[in-house]
Amino acid sequence: ILLSIKDVTQHKLMESQSKLASMGEMIGNIAHQWRQPLSLISTIASG
């Protein structure tokens, strides 16, 4: 049997880093995205 082996330890780390970076940006996006709906809910409730 011929085996072709690639060490993807670093690649896995890169994927995690990339995902964390995306998640960080998404959290910021979600925070921004939720302001308007939350503000609207808060306005309706206050009214």
All heavy atoms as atom14 arrays in JSON, in Angstrom:
{
  "sequence": "ILLSIKDVTQHKLMESQSKLASMGEMIGNIAHQWRQPLSLISTIASG",
  "atom14_mask": [
    [1, 1, 1, 1, 1, 1, 1, 1, 0, 0, 0, 0, 0, 0],
    [1, 1, 1, 1, 1, 1, 1, 1, 0, 0, 0, 0, 0, 0],
    [1, 1, 1, 1, 1, 1, 1, 1, 0, 0, 0, 0, 0, 0],
    [1, 1, 1, 1, 1, 1, 0, 0, 0, 0, 0, 0, 0, 0],
    [1, 1, 1, 1, 1, 1, 1, 1, 0, 0, 0, 0, 0, 0],
    [1, 1, 1, 1, 1, 1, 1, 1, 1, 0, 0, 0, 0, 0],
    [1, 1, 1, 1, 1, 1, 1, 1, 0, 0, 0, 0, 0, 0],
    [1, 1, 1, 1, 1, 1, 1, 0, 0, 0, 0, 0, 0, 0],
    [1, 1, 1, 1, 1, 1, 1, 0, 0, 0, 0, 0, 0, 0],
    [1, 1, 1, 1, 1, 1, 1, 1, 1, 0, 0, 0, 0, 0],
    [1, 1, 1, 1, 1, 1, 1, 1, 1, 1, 0, 0, 0, 0],
    [1, 1, 1, 1, 1, 1, 1, 1, 1, 0, 0, 0, 0, 0],
    [1, 1, 1, 1, 1, 1, 1, 1, 0, 0, 0, 0, 0, 0],
    [1, 1, 1, 1, 1, 1, 1, 1, 0, 0, 0, 0, 0, 0],
    [1, 1, 1, 1, 1, 1, 1, 1, 1, 0, 0, 0, 0, 0],
    [1, 1, 1, 1, 1, 1, 0, 0, 0, 0, 0, 0, 0, 0],
    [1, 1, 1, 1, 1, 1, 1, 1, 1, 0, 0, 0, 0, 0],
    [1, 1, 1, 1, 1, 1, 0, 0, 0, 0, 0, 0, 0, 0],
    [1, 1, 1, 1, 1, 1, 1, 1, 1, 0, 0, 0, 0, 0],
    [1, 1, 1, 1, 1, 1, 1, 1, 0, 0, 0, 0, 0, 0],
    [1, 1, 1, 1, 1, 0, 0, 0, 0, 0, 0, 0, 0, 0],
    [1, 1, 1, 1, 1, 1, 0, 0, 0, 0, 0, 0, 0, 0],
    [1, 1, 1, 1, 1, 1, 1, 1, 0, 0, 0, 0, 0, 0],
    [1, 1, 1, 1, 0, 0, 0, 0, 0, 0, 0, 0, 0, 0],
    [1, 1, 1, 1, 1, 1, 1, 1, 1, 0, 0, 0, 0, 0],
    [1, 1, 1, 1, 1, 1, 1, 1, 0, 0, 0, 0, 0, 0],
    [1, 1, 1, 1, 1, 1, 1, 1, 0, 0, 0, 0, 0, 0],
    [1, 1, 1, 1, 0, 0, 0, 0, 0, 0, 0, 0, 0, 0],
    [1, 1, 1, 1, 1, 1, 1, 1, 0, 0, 0, 0, 0, 0],
    [1, 1, 1, 1, 1, 1, 1, 1, 0, 0, 0, 0, 0, 0],
    [1, 1, 1, 1, 1, 0, 0, 0, 0, 0, 0, 0, 0, 0],
    [1, 1, 1, 1, 1, 1, 1, 1, 1, 1, 0, 0, 0, 0],
    [1, 1, 1, 1, 1, 1, 1, 1, 1, 0, 0, 0, 0, 0],
    [1, 1, 1, 1, 1, 1, 1, 1, 1, 1, 1, 1, 1, 1],
    [1, 1, 1, 1, 1, 1, 1, 1, 1, 1, 1, 0, 0, 0],
    [1, 1, 1, 1, 1, 1, 1, 1, 1, 0, 0, 0, 0, 0],
    [1, 1, 1, 1, 1, 1, 1, 0, 0, 0, 0, 0, 0, 0],
    [1, 1, 1, 1, 1, 1, 1, 1, 0, 0, 0, 0, 0, 0],
    [1, 1, 1, 1, 1, 1, 0, 0, 0, 0, 0, 0, 0, 0],
    [1, 1, 1, 1, 1, 1, 1, 1, 0, 0, 0, 0, 0, 0],
    [1, 1, 1, 1, 1, 1, 1, 1, 0, 0, 0, 0, 0, 0],
    [1, 1, 1, 1, 1, 1, 0, 0, 0, 0, 0, 0, 0, 0],
    [1, 1, 1, 1, 1, 1, 1, 0, 0, 0, 0, 0, 0, 0],
    [1, 1, 1, 1, 1, 1, 1, 1, 0, 0, 0, 0, 0, 0],
    [1, 1, 1, 1, 1, 0, 0, 0, 0, 0, 0, 0, 0, 0],
    [1, 1, 1, 1, 1, 1, 0, 0, 0, 0, 0, 0, 0, 0],
    [1, 1, 1, 1, 0, 0, 0, 0, 0, 0, 0, 0, 0, 0]
  ],
  "atom14_positions": [
    [[0.86, -1.19, 0.0], [0.0, 0.0, 0.0], [0.9, 1.24, 0.0], [1.86, 1.32, 0.78], [-0.92, 0.02, 1.23], [-1.8, -1.24, 1.26], [-1.78, 1.28, 1.25], [-2.55, -1.42, 2.57], [0.0, 0.0, 0.0], [0.0, 0.0, 0.0], [0.0, 0.0, 0.0], [0.0, 0.0, 0.0], [0.0, 0.0, 0.0], [0.0, 0.0, 0.0]],
    [[0.58, 2.18, -0.89], [1.31, 3.45, -0.93], [0.53, 4.48, -0.12], [-0.66, 4.7, -0.34], [1.47, 3.94, -2.38], [2.09, 5.33, -2.56], [3.53, 5.35, -2.05], [2.03, 5.76, -4.02], [0.0, 0.0, 0.0], [0.0, 0.0, 0.0], [0.0, 0.0, 0.0], [0.0, 0.0, 0.0], [0.0, 0.0, 0.0], [0.0, 0.0, 0.0]],
    [[1.22, 5.11, 0.84], [0.61, 6.13, 1.69], [1.16, 7.5, 1.31], [2.37, 7.66, 1.15], [0.92, 5.86, 3.17], [0.63, 4.46, 3.72], [1.03, 4.4, 5.18], [-0.83, 4.1, 3.54], [0.0, 0.0, 0.0], [0.0, 0.0, 0.0], [0.0, 0.0, 0.0], [0.0, 0.0, 0.0], [0.0, 0.0, 0.0], [0.0, 0.0, 0.0]],
    [[0.27, 8.46, 1.14], [0.66, 9.86, 0.97], [0.16, 10.6, 2.2], [-1.05, 10.68, 2.45], [0.05, 10.44, -0.3], [0.36, 11.82, -0.4], [0.0, 0.0, 0.0], [0.0, 0.0, 0.0], [0.0, 0.0, 0.0], [0.0, 0.0, 0.0], [0.0, 0.0, 0.0], [0.0, 0.0, 0.0], [0.0, 0.0, 0.0], [0.0, 0.0, 0.0]],
    [[1.1, 11.15, 3.0], [0.76, 11.7, 4.3], [1.15, 13.18, 4.34], [2.29, 13.53, 4.01], [1.48, 10.95, 5.44], [1.21, 9.43, 5.32], [1.04, 11.45, 6.8], [2.39, 8.65, 4.87], [0.0, 0.0, 0.0], [0.0, 0.0, 0.0], [0.0, 0.0, 0.0], [0.0, 0.0, 0.0], [0.0, 0.0, 0.0], [0.0, 0.0, 0.0]],
    [[0.22, 14.0, 4.72], [0.5, 15.43, 4.89], [0.22, 15.82, 6.34], [-0.83, 15.48, 6.89], [-0.37, 16.25, 3.94], [-0.08, 17.75, 4.0], [-1.02, 18.52, 3.1], [-0.71, 18.26, 1.65], [0.57, 18.86, 1.25], [0.0, 0.0, 0.0], [0.0, 0.0, 0.0], [0.0, 0.0, 0.0], [0.0, 0.0, 0.0], [0.0, 0.0, 0.0]],
    [[1.18, 16.5, 6.93], [1.01, 17.0, 8.29], [0.12, 18.25, 8.24], [0.52, 19.29, 7.71], [2.38, 17.35, 8.88], [2.28, 17.76, 10.34], [1.15, 17.92, 10.84], [3.35, 17.94, 10.98], [0.0, 0.0, 0.0], [0.0, 0.0, 0.0], [0.0, 0.0, 0.0], [0.0, 0.0, 0.0], [0.0, 0.0, 0.0], [0.0, 0.0, 0.0]],
    [[-1.13, 18.1, 8.73], [-2.09, 19.21, 8.67], [-2.3, 19.83, 10.05], [-3.29, 20.54, 10.27], [-3.44, 18.73, 8.08], [-3.27, 18.33, 6.65], [-4.03, 17.6, 8.92], [0.0, 0.0, 0.0], [0.0, 0.0, 0.0], [0.0, 0.0, 0.0], [0.0, 0.0, 0.0], [0.0, 0.0, 0.0], [0.0, 0.0, 0.0], [0.0, 0.0, 0.0]],
    [[-1.37, 19.58, 10.95], [-1.49, 20.16, 12.3], [-1.54, 21.68, 12.21], [-2.4, 22.33, 12.82], [-0.29, 19.72, 13.17], [-0.18, 18.29, 13.13], [-0.47, 20.19, 14.6], [0.0, 0.0, 0.0], [0.0, 0.0, 0.0], [0.0, 0.0, 0.0], [0.0, 0.0, 0.0], [0.0, 0.0, 0.0], [0.0, 0.0, 0.0], [0.0, 0.0, 0.0]],
    [[-0.62, 22.23, 11.42], [-0.59, 23.68, 11.26], [-1.83, 24.18, 10.53], [-2.37, 25.24, 10.83], [0.68, 24.08, 10.5], [0.95, 25.58, 10.44], [1.29, 26.14, 11.82], [1.73, 25.43, 12.7], [1.07, 27.45, 11.99], [0.0, 0.0, 0.0], [0.0, 0.0, 0.0], [0.0, 0.0, 0.0], [0.0, 0.0, 0.0], [0.0, 0.0, 0.0]],
    [[-2.26, 23.37, 9.55], [-3.46, 23.74, 8.79], [-4.69, 23.79, 9.7], [-5.54, 24.68, 9.58], [-3.68, 22.74, 7.66], [-4.92, 22.99, 6.86], [-5.05, 24.07, 6.02], [-6.1, 22.31, 6.8], [-6.25, 24.05, 5.47], [-6.91, 22.98, 5.92], [0.0, 0.0, 0.0], [0.0, 0.0, 0.0], [0.0, 0.0, 0.0], [0.0, 0.0, 0.0]],
    [[-4.79, 22.81, 10.6], [-5.9, 22.8, 11.55], [-5.87, 24.05, 12.42], [-6.91, 24.66, 12.72], [-5.84, 21.54, 12.43], [-6.22, 20.28, 11.69], [-7.68, 20.32, 11.31], [-8.09, 19.06, 10.58], [-9.51, 19.14, 10.15], [0.0, 0.0, 0.0], [0.0, 0.0, 0.0], [0.0, 0.0, 0.0], [0.0, 0.0, 0.0], [0.0, 0.0, 0.0]],
    [[-4.65, 24.43, 12.82], [-4.51, 25.64, 13.61], [-4.95, 26.86, 12.81], [-5.63, 27.76, 13.31], [-3.05, 25.79, 14.07], [-2.72, 27.03, 14.89], [-3.55, 27.05, 16.19], [-1.22, 27.07, 15.21], [0.0, 0.0, 0.0], [0.0, 0.0, 0.0], [0.0, 0.0, 0.0], [0.0, 0.0, 0.0], [0.0, 0.0, 0.0], [0.0, 0.0, 0.0]],
    [[-4.55, 26.85, 11.51], [-4.94, 27.96, 10.63], [-6.46, 28.02, 10.5], [-7.06, 29.11, 10.52], [-4.32, 27.77, 9.25], [-2.82, 28.0, 9.21], [-2.1, 27.41, 7.66], [-3.07, 28.29, 6.48], [0.0, 0.0, 0.0], [0.0, 0.0, 0.0], [0.0, 0.0, 0.0], [0.0, 0.0, 0.0], [0.0, 0.0, 0.0], [0.0, 0.0, 0.0]],
    [[-7.11, 26.85, 10.34], [-8.56, 26.83, 10.23], [-9.21, 27.4, 11.49], [-10.17, 28.18, 11.41], [-9.05, 25.4, 9.99], [-8.83, 24.9, 8.57], [-9.44, 23.52, 8.38], [-9.79, 22.87, 9.39], [-9.57, 23.11, 7.22], [0.0, 0.0, 0.0], [0.0, 0.0, 0.0], [0.0, 0.0, 0.0], [0.0, 0.0, 0.0], [0.0, 0.0, 0.0]],
    [[-8.66, 27.0, 12.63], [-9.21, 27.5, 13.89], [-9.05, 29.02, 14.0], [-9.96, 29.75, 14.41], [-8.53, 26.83, 15.09], [-8.76, 25.44, 15.05], [0.0, 0.0, 0.0], [0.0, 0.0, 0.0], [0.0, 0.0, 0.0], [0.0, 0.0, 0.0], [0.0, 0.0, 0.0], [0.0, 0.0, 0.0], [0.0, 0.0, 0.0], [0.0, 0.0, 0.0]],
    [[-7.84, 29.49, 13.6], [-7.58, 30.93, 13.64], [-8.53, 31.67, 12.71], [-9.08, 32.73, 13.04], [-6.12, 31.2, 13.24], [-5.12, 30.74, 14.27], [-3.69, 30.89, 13.78], [-3.45, 31.11, 12.59], [-2.74, 30.78, 14.7], [0.0, 0.0, 0.0], [0.0, 0.0, 0.0], [0.0, 0.0, 0.0], [0.0, 0.0, 0.0], [0.0, 0.0, 0.0]],
    [[-8.69, 31.1, 11.49], [-9.58, 31.74, 10.53], [-11.01, 31.77, 11.04], [-11.73, 32.77, 10.91], [-9.5, 31.01, 9.19], [-10.38, 31.58, 8.25], [0.0, 0.0, 0.0], [0.0, 0.0, 0.0], [0.0, 0.0, 0.0], [0.0, 0.0, 0.0], [0.0, 0.0, 0.0], [0.0, 0.0, 0.0], [0.0, 0.0, 0.0], [0.0, 0.0, 0.0]],
    [[-11.44, 30.64, 11.64], [-12.81, 30.56, 12.13], [-13.02, 31.53, 13.29], [-14.05, 32.21, 13.39], [-13.1, 29.14, 12.59], [-14.58, 28.85, 12.78], [-14.94, 27.59, 12.07], [-16.42, 27.35, 12.07], [-16.81, 26.19, 11.24], [0.0, 0.0, 0.0], [0.0, 0.0, 0.0], [0.0, 0.0, 0.0], [0.0, 0.0, 0.0], [0.0, 0.0, 0.0]],
    [[-12.01, 31.61, 14.16], [-12.11, 32.54, 15.28], [-12.19, 33.98, 14.78], [-12.94, 34.81, 15.31], [-10.92, 32.37, 16.23], [-10.92, 31.1, 17.09], [-9.6, 30.98, 17.83], [-12.1, 31.12, 18.07], [0.0, 0.0, 0.0], [0.0, 0.0, 0.0], [0.0, 0.0, 0.0], [0.0, 0.0, 0.0], [0.0, 0.0, 0.0], [0.0, 0.0, 0.0]],
    [[-11.36, 34.27, 13.73], [-11.38, 35.63, 13.17], [-12.76, 35.93, 12.6], [-13.32, 37.02, 12.78], [-10.31, 35.76, 12.1], [0.0, 0.0, 0.0], [0.0, 0.0, 0.0], [0.0, 0.0, 0.0], [0.0, 0.0, 0.0], [0.0, 0.0, 0.0], [0.0, 0.0, 0.0], [0.0, 0.0, 0.0], [0.0, 0.0, 0.0], [0.0, 0.0, 0.0]],
    [[-13.31, 34.92, 11.86], [-14.64, 35.11, 11.28], [-15.7, 35.25, 12.37], [-16.63, 36.06, 12.26], [-14.99, 33.93, 10.37], [-14.1, 33.85, 9.29], [0.0, 0.0, 0.0], [0.0, 0.0, 0.0], [0.0, 0.0, 0.0], [0.0, 0.0, 0.0], [0.0, 0.0, 0.0], [0.0, 0.0, 0.0], [0.0, 0.0, 0.0], [0.0, 0.0, 0.0]],
    [[-15.55, 34.41, 13.41], [-16.51, 34.47, 14.5], [-16.45, 35.82, 15.2], [-17.48, 36.4, 15.56], [-16.25, 33.35, 15.51], [-16.64, 31.97, 15.01], [-16.1, 30.67, 16.13], [-17.02, 31.09, 17.6], [0.0, 0.0, 0.0], [0.0, 0.0, 0.0], [0.0, 0.0, 0.0], [0.0, 0.0, 0.0], [0.0, 0.0, 0.0], [0.0, 0.0, 0.0]],
    [[-15.22, 36.35, 15.38], [-15.08, 37.67, 16.01], [-15.78, 38.73, 15.19], [-16.5, 39.59, 15.73], [0.0, 0.0, 0.0], [0.0, 0.0, 0.0], [0.0, 0.0, 0.0], [0.0, 0.0, 0.0], [0.0, 0.0, 0.0], [0.0, 0.0, 0.0], [0.0, 0.0, 0.0], [0.0, 0.0, 0.0], [0.0, 0.0, 0.0], [0.0, 0.0, 0.0]],
    [[-15.57, 38.65, 13.87], [-16.22, 39.63, 13.01], [-17.73, 39.43, 13.01], [-18.51, 40.39, 13.01], [-15.67, 39.52, 11.59], [-16.23, 40.59, 10.66], [-15.55, 40.59, 9.31], [-14.59, 39.8, 9.14], [-15.95, 41.36, 8.45], [0.0, 0.0, 0.0], [0.0, 0.0, 0.0], [0.0, 0.0, 0.0], [0.0, 0.0, 0.0], [0.0, 0.0, 0.0]],
    [[-18.16, 38.17, 13.03], [-19.6, 37.89, 13.04], [-20.27, 38.38, 14.32], [-21.39, 38.89, 14.3], [-19.85, 36.39, 12.87], [-19.62, 35.9, 11.46], [-19.92, 34.13, 11.36], [-21.63, 34.07, 11.82], [0.0, 0.0, 0.0], [0.0, 0.0, 0.0], [0.0, 0.0, 0.0], [0.0, 0.0, 0.0], [0.0, 0.0, 0.0], [0.0, 0.0, 0.0]],
    [[-19.55, 38.21, 15.42], [-20.12, 38.7, 16.68], [-20.33, 40.21, 16.6], [-21.36, 40.75, 17.03], [-19.2, 38.32, 17.87], [-19.25, 36.81, 18.1], [-19.59, 39.08, 19.13], [-18.23, 36.31, 19.09], [0.0, 0.0, 0.0], [0.0, 0.0, 0.0], [0.0, 0.0, 0.0], [0.0, 0.0, 0.0], [0.0, 0.0, 0.0], [0.0, 0.0, 0.0]],
    [[-19.32, 40.9, 16.02], [-19.49, 42.35, 15.82], [-20.64, 42.64, 14.9], [-21.42, 43.59, 15.11], [0.0, 0.0, 0.0], [0.0, 0.0, 0.0], [0.0, 0.0, 0.0], [0.0, 0.0, 0.0], [0.0, 0.0, 0.0], [0.0, 0.0, 0.0], [0.0, 0.0, 0.0], [0.0, 0.0, 0.0], [0.0, 0.0, 0.0], [0.0, 0.0, 0.0]],
    [[-20.75, 41.81, 13.81], [-21.86, 42.02, 12.87], [-23.21, 41.79, 13.55], [-24.19, 42.53, 13.34], [-21.73, 41.07, 11.68], [-20.55, 41.43, 10.79], [-20.08, 42.57, 10.83], [-20.07, 40.47, 10.01], [0.0, 0.0, 0.0], [0.0, 0.0, 0.0], [0.0, 0.0, 0.0], [0.0, 0.0, 0.0], [0.0, 0.0, 0.0], [0.0, 0.0, 0.0]],
    [[-23.27, 40.73, 14.38], [-24.52, 40.41, 15.07], [-24.89, 41.53, 16.04], [-26.05, 41.97, 16.13], [-24.4, 39.06, 15.81], [-24.35, 37.91, 14.78], [-25.56, 38.86, 16.77], [-24.02, 36.58, 15.38], [0.0, 0.0, 0.0], [0.0, 0.0, 0.0], [0.0, 0.0, 0.0], [0.0, 0.0, 0.0], [0.0, 0.0, 0.0], [0.0, 0.0, 0.0]],
    [[-23.85, 42.01, 16.76], [-24.12, 43.11, 17.71], [-24.69, 44.32, 16.97], [-25.66, 44.96, 17.43], [-22.83, 43.49, 18.44], [0.0, 0.0, 0.0], [0.0, 0.0, 0.0], [0.0, 0.0, 0.0], [0.0, 0.0, 0.0], [0.0, 0.0, 0.0], [0.0, 0.0, 0.0], [0.0, 0.0, 0.0], [0.0, 0.0, 0.0], [0.0, 0.0, 0.0]],
    [[-24.11, 44.61, 15.8], [-24.6, 45.74, 15.01], [-25.98, 45.44, 14.43], [-26.87, 46.3, 14.38], [-23.59, 46.03, 13.89], [-24.04, 47.14, 12.99], [-23.92, 48.49, 13.35], [-24.62, 47.12, 11.76], [-24.4, 49.24, 12.38], [-24.82, 48.44, 11.39], [0.0, 0.0, 0.0], [0.0, 0.0, 0.0], [0.0, 0.0, 0.0], [0.0, 0.0, 0.0]],
    [[-26.12, 44.15, 14.02], [-27.36, 43.75, 13.38], [-28.53, 43.74, 14.38], [-29.69, 43.99, 14.02], [-27.16, 42.36, 12.76], [-28.19, 41.98, 11.71], [-27.75, 40.73, 10.96], [-26.68, 40.21, 11.21], [-28.58, 40.27, 10.06], [0.0, 0.0, 0.0], [0.0, 0.0, 0.0], [0.0, 0.0, 0.0], [0.0, 0.0, 0.0], [0.0, 0.0, 0.0]],
    [[-28.23, 43.45, 15.66], [-29.29, 43.35, 16.67], [-29.7, 44.73, 17.24], [-30.74, 44.84, 17.88], [-28.81, 42.45, 17.81], [-28.96, 40.97, 17.48], [-29.17, 40.43, 16.27], [-28.92, 39.92, 18.43], [-29.25, 39.07, 16.37], [-29.09, 38.71, 17.71], [-28.73, 39.85, 19.82], [-29.11, 37.47, 18.32], [-28.74, 38.61, 20.43], [-28.93, 37.41, 19.68]],
    [[-28.87, 45.74, 17.04], [-29.18, 47.04, 17.65], [-30.54, 47.58, 17.18], [-31.36, 48.04, 17.98], [-28.08, 48.05, 17.32], [-26.82, 47.86, 18.14], [-25.89, 49.06, 17.98], [-24.63, 48.8, 18.69], [-23.5, 48.41, 18.12], [-23.49, 48.22, 16.81], [-22.43, 48.22, 18.84], [0.0, 0.0, 0.0], [0.0, 0.0, 0.0], [0.0, 0.0, 0.0]],
    [[-30.73, 47.51, 15.85], [-31.98, 48.08, 15.31], [-33.21, 47.3, 15.78], [-34.17, 47.9, 16.27], [-31.91, 48.13, 13.79], [-33.12, 48.82, 13.16], [-33.0, 48.91, 11.64], [-31.99, 48.52, 11.09], [-34.04, 49.45, 11.01], [0.0, 0.0, 0.0], [0.0, 0.0, 0.0], [0.0, 0.0, 0.0], [0.0, 0.0, 0.0], [0.0, 0.0, 0.0]],
    [[-33.22, 45.92, 15.65], [-34.39, 45.19, 16.17], [-34.6, 45.41, 17.66], [-35.74, 45.59, 18.12], [-34.07, 43.73, 15.84], [-33.09, 43.8, 14.74], [-32.3, 45.04, 14.96], [0.0, 0.0, 0.0], [0.0, 0.0, 0.0], [0.0, 0.0, 0.0], [0.0, 0.0, 0.0], [0.0, 0.0, 0.0], [0.0, 0.0, 0.0], [0.0, 0.0, 0.0]],
    [[-33.53, 45.37, 18.44], [-33.66, 45.56, 19.89], [-34.15, 46.97, 20.21], [-34.96, 47.19, 21.14], [-32.32, 45.29, 20.58], [-31.87, 43.81, 20.61], [-30.46, 43.7, 21.19], [-32.85, 42.97, 21.43], [0.0, 0.0, 0.0], [0.0, 0.0, 0.0], [0.0, 0.0, 0.0], [0.0, 0.0, 0.0], [0.0, 0.0, 0.0], [0.0, 0.0, 0.0]],
    [[-33.62, 47.95, 19.44], [-34.05, 49.34, 19.65], [-35.54, 49.49, 19.35], [-36.28, 50.17, 20.08], [-33.23, 50.29, 18.77], [-33.67, 51.62, 18.92], [0.0, 0.0, 0.0], [0.0, 0.0, 0.0], [0.0, 0.0, 0.0], [0.0, 0.0, 0.0], [0.0, 0.0, 0.0], [0.0, 0.0, 0.0], [0.0, 0.0, 0.0], [0.0, 0.0, 0.0]],
    [[-35.99, 48.81, 18.25], [-37.4, 48.88, 17.87], [-38.27, 48.24, 18.96], [-39.32, 48.78, 19.35], [-37.61, 48.2, 16.53], [-39.03, 48.19, 15.97], [-39.54, 49.64, 15.8], [-39.08, 47.44, 14.65], [0.0, 0.0, 0.0], [0.0, 0.0, 0.0], [0.0, 0.0, 0.0], [0.0, 0.0, 0.0], [0.0, 0.0, 0.0], [0.0, 0.0, 0.0]],
    [[-37.84, 47.04, 19.45], [-38.59, 46.35, 20.52], [-38.65, 47.23, 21.76], [-39.7, 47.37, 22.42], [-37.95, 44.98, 20.82], [-38.11, 44.03, 19.61], [-38.54, 44.36, 22.09], [-37.32, 42.75, 19.74], [0.0, 0.0, 0.0], [0.0, 0.0, 0.0], [0.0, 0.0, 0.0], [0.0, 0.0, 0.0], [0.0, 0.0, 0.0], [0.0, 0.0, 0.0]],
    [[-37.47, 47.83, 22.08], [-37.41, 48.69, 23.27], [-38.33, 49.9, 23.12], [-39.04, 50.3, 24.06], [-35.97, 49.16, 23.5], [-35.9, 50.06, 24.59], [0.0, 0.0, 0.0], [0.0, 0.0, 0.0], [0.0, 0.0, 0.0], [0.0, 0.0, 0.0], [0.0, 0.0, 0.0], [0.0, 0.0, 0.0], [0.0, 0.0, 0.0], [0.0, 0.0, 0.0]],
    [[-38.36, 50.48, 21.89], [-39.22, 51.66, 21.63], [-40.7, 51.29, 21.78], [-41.5, 52.03, 22.4], [-38.94, 52.2, 20.22], [-37.57, 52.58, 20.15], [-39.82, 53.41, 19.93], [0.0, 0.0, 0.0], [0.0, 0.0, 0.0], [0.0, 0.0, 0.0], [0.0, 0.0, 0.0], [0.0, 0.0, 0.0], [0.0, 0.0, 0.0], [0.0, 0.0, 0.0]],
    [[-41.09, 50.14, 21.19], [-42.48, 49.7, 21.28], [-42.87, 49.45, 22.74], [-43.95, 49.89, 23.22], [-42.71, 48.43, 20.44], [-42.53, 48.74, 18.94], [-44.08, 47.82, 20.69], [-42.54, 47.51, 18.05], [0.0, 0.0, 0.0], [0.0, 0.0, 0.0], [0.0, 0.0, 0.0], [0.0, 0.0, 0.0], [0.0, 0.0, 0.0], [0.0, 0.0, 0.0]],
    [[-41.97, 48.76, 23.47], [-42.26, 48.47, 24.88], [-42.37, 49.76, 25.71], [-43.27, 49.92, 26.56], [-41.18, 47.56, 25.46], [0.0, 0.0, 0.0], [0.0, 0.0, 0.0], [0.0, 0.0, 0.0], [0.0, 0.0, 0.0], [0.0, 0.0, 0.0], [0.0, 0.0, 0.0], [0.0, 0.0, 0.0], [0.0, 0.0, 0.0], [0.0, 0.0, 0.0]],
    [[-41.44, 50.72, 25.47], [-41.45, 52.0, 26.2], [-42.72, 52.78, 25.89], [-43.34, 53.42, 26.77], [-40.22, 52.83, 25.83], [-39.05, 52.17, 26.22], [0.0, 0.0, 0.0], [0.0, 0.0, 0.0], [0.0, 0.0, 0.0], [0.0, 0.0, 0.0], [0.0, 0.0, 0.0], [0.0, 0.0, 0.0], [0.0, 0.0, 0.0], [0.0, 0.0, 0.0]],
    [[-43.13, 52.75, 24.58], [-44.35, 53.48, 24.16], [-45.58, 52.92, 24.85], [-46.45, 53.69, 25.32], [0.0, 0.0, 0.0], [0.0, 0.0, 0.0], [0.0, 0.0, 0.0], [0.0, 0.0, 0.0], [0.0, 0.0, 0.0], [0.0, 0.0, 0.0], [0.0, 0.0, 0.0], [0.0, 0.0, 0.0], [0.0, 0.0, 0.0], [0.0, 0.0, 0.0]]
  ]
}
